[in-house]
Amino acid sequence: MIEQYDSKMIRCPRIGGYVNFKLCRSENNMLPCRFVAGCWQMQIDINKYLSEHFSKEELDKAFVPPKPKLESLVATMEKAKQRTGCQS
């Protein structure tokens, strides 16, 4: 059952406060947070849980590192230029 650990609480280093497991397993567009394995490894058998409830493709998608900030900012600026029709 995917909800079996939902009420367990842990301190989240990203948020800076306590969160329940439900948030950790679904905060990334209904996929786990990319840090879930490290945060929960001492509390539950997280690798077993993840493999039982998510496909390999879903986990690959969830654990992709984010783009570097500069790359993300440039991409956002380019999209904004295209929407407004600006040329530089």
Protein backbone atom coordinates (compact mmCIF):
# COMPACT_ATOMS: atom_id res chain seq x y z
CA MET A 1 0.00 0.00 0.00
CA ILE A 2 1.58 3.27 -1.15
CA GLU A 3 0.19 5.21 1.86
CA GLN A 4 1.73 2.92 4.51
CA TYR A 5 4.33 5.47 5.70
CA ASP A 6 2.43 8.70 4.95
CA SER A 7 2.07 9.75 8.60
CA LYS A 8 5.77 9.32 9.45
CA MET A 9 7.55 12.64 9.99
CA ILE A 10 11.12 13.75 9.34
CA ARG A 11 12.97 17.04 9.22
CA CYS A 12 13.38 18.16 5.61
CA PRO A 13 16.70 19.88 4.88
CA ARG A 14 15.23 21.59 1.80
CA ILE A 15 12.16 23.01 3.51
CA GLY A 16 13.78 23.53 6.89
CA GLY A 17 11.01 21.96 8.95
CA TYR A 18 9.15 18.75 9.59
CA VAL A 19 7.22 17.08 6.78
CA ASN A 20 5.40 13.80 6.44
CA PHE A 21 6.42 11.02 4.09
CA LYS A 22 3.42 11.70 1.86
CA LEU A 23 4.97 14.99 0.79
CA CYS A 24 8.33 13.33 0.12
CA ARG A 25 6.84 10.60 -2.05
CA SER A 26 4.68 12.94 -4.14
CA GLU A 27 6.11 16.48 -4.15
CA ASN A 28 7.66 16.20 -7.61
CA ASN A 29 4.50 16.07 -9.80
CA MET A 30 3.33 12.96 -7.91
CA LEU A 31 6.84 11.49 -8.04
CA PRO A 32 9.25 11.30 -5.10
CA CYS A 33 11.55 14.13 -4.13
CA ARG A 34 14.99 13.52 -5.57
CA PHE A 35 16.43 13.44 -2.03
CA VAL A 36 13.94 10.90 -0.62
CA ALA A 37 16.37 7.99 -0.53
CA GLY A 38 18.99 9.84 1.48
CA CYS A 39 16.53 11.41 3.89
CA TRP A 40 14.54 8.27 4.68
CA GLN A 41 17.18 5.53 4.50
CA MET A 42 17.47 5.25 8.29
CA GLN A 43 13.70 5.28 8.85
CA ILE A 44 12.32 2.76 6.35
CA ASP A 45 13.57 0.39 3.64
CA ILE A 46 13.26 3.22 1.13
CA ASN A 47 14.84 1.42 -1.84
CA LYS A 48 12.39 -1.46 -1.49
CA TYR A 49 9.48 0.96 -1.10
CA LEU A 50 10.47 2.93 -4.21
CA SER A 51 10.94 -0.16 -6.35
CA GLU A 52 7.57 -1.55 -5.25
CA HIS A 53 5.59 1.62 -5.94
CA PHE A 54 7.32 3.36 -8.86
CA SER A 55 8.52 2.17 -12.25
CA LYS A 56 12.14 2.51 -13.30
CA GLU A 57 11.10 5.24 -15.74
CA GLU A 58 9.32 7.19 -13.00
CA LEU A 59 12.34 6.93 -10.70
CA ASP A 60 14.71 7.96 -13.49
CA LYS A 61 12.52 11.02 -14.09
CA ALA A 62 12.31 11.85 -10.37
CA PHE A 63 16.05 11.61 -9.74
CA VAL A 64 17.27 13.73 -12.66
CA PRO A 65 19.48 16.49 -11.26
CA PRO A 66 18.14 19.99 -11.86
CA LYS A 67 19.63 22.18 -14.55
CA PRO A 68 22.30 24.61 -13.37
CA LYS A 69 20.77 27.95 -12.32
CA LEU A 70 22.41 29.93 -15.11
CA GLU A 71 21.25 27.46 -17.78
CA SER A 72 17.72 27.55 -16.38
CA LEU A 73 17.72 31.37 -16.27
CA VAL A 74 18.94 31.67 -19.87
CA ALA A 75 16.28 29.19 -21.04
CA THR A 76 13.57 31.19 -19.25
CA MET A 77 14.82 34.42 -20.82
CA GLU A 78 14.78 32.85 -24.28
CA LYS A 79 11.20 31.65 -23.81
CA ALA A 80 10.16 35.12 -22.70
CA LYS A 81 11.80 36.67 -25.77
CA GLN A 82 9.95 34.25 -28.04
CA ARG A 83 6.60 35.04 -26.40
CA THR A 84 7.08 38.80 -26.72
CA GLY A 85 8.72 38.69 -30.14
CA CYS A 86 11.83 40.53 -28.91
CA GLN A 87 15.08 40.15 -30.81
CA SER A 88 18.52 40.82 -29.38
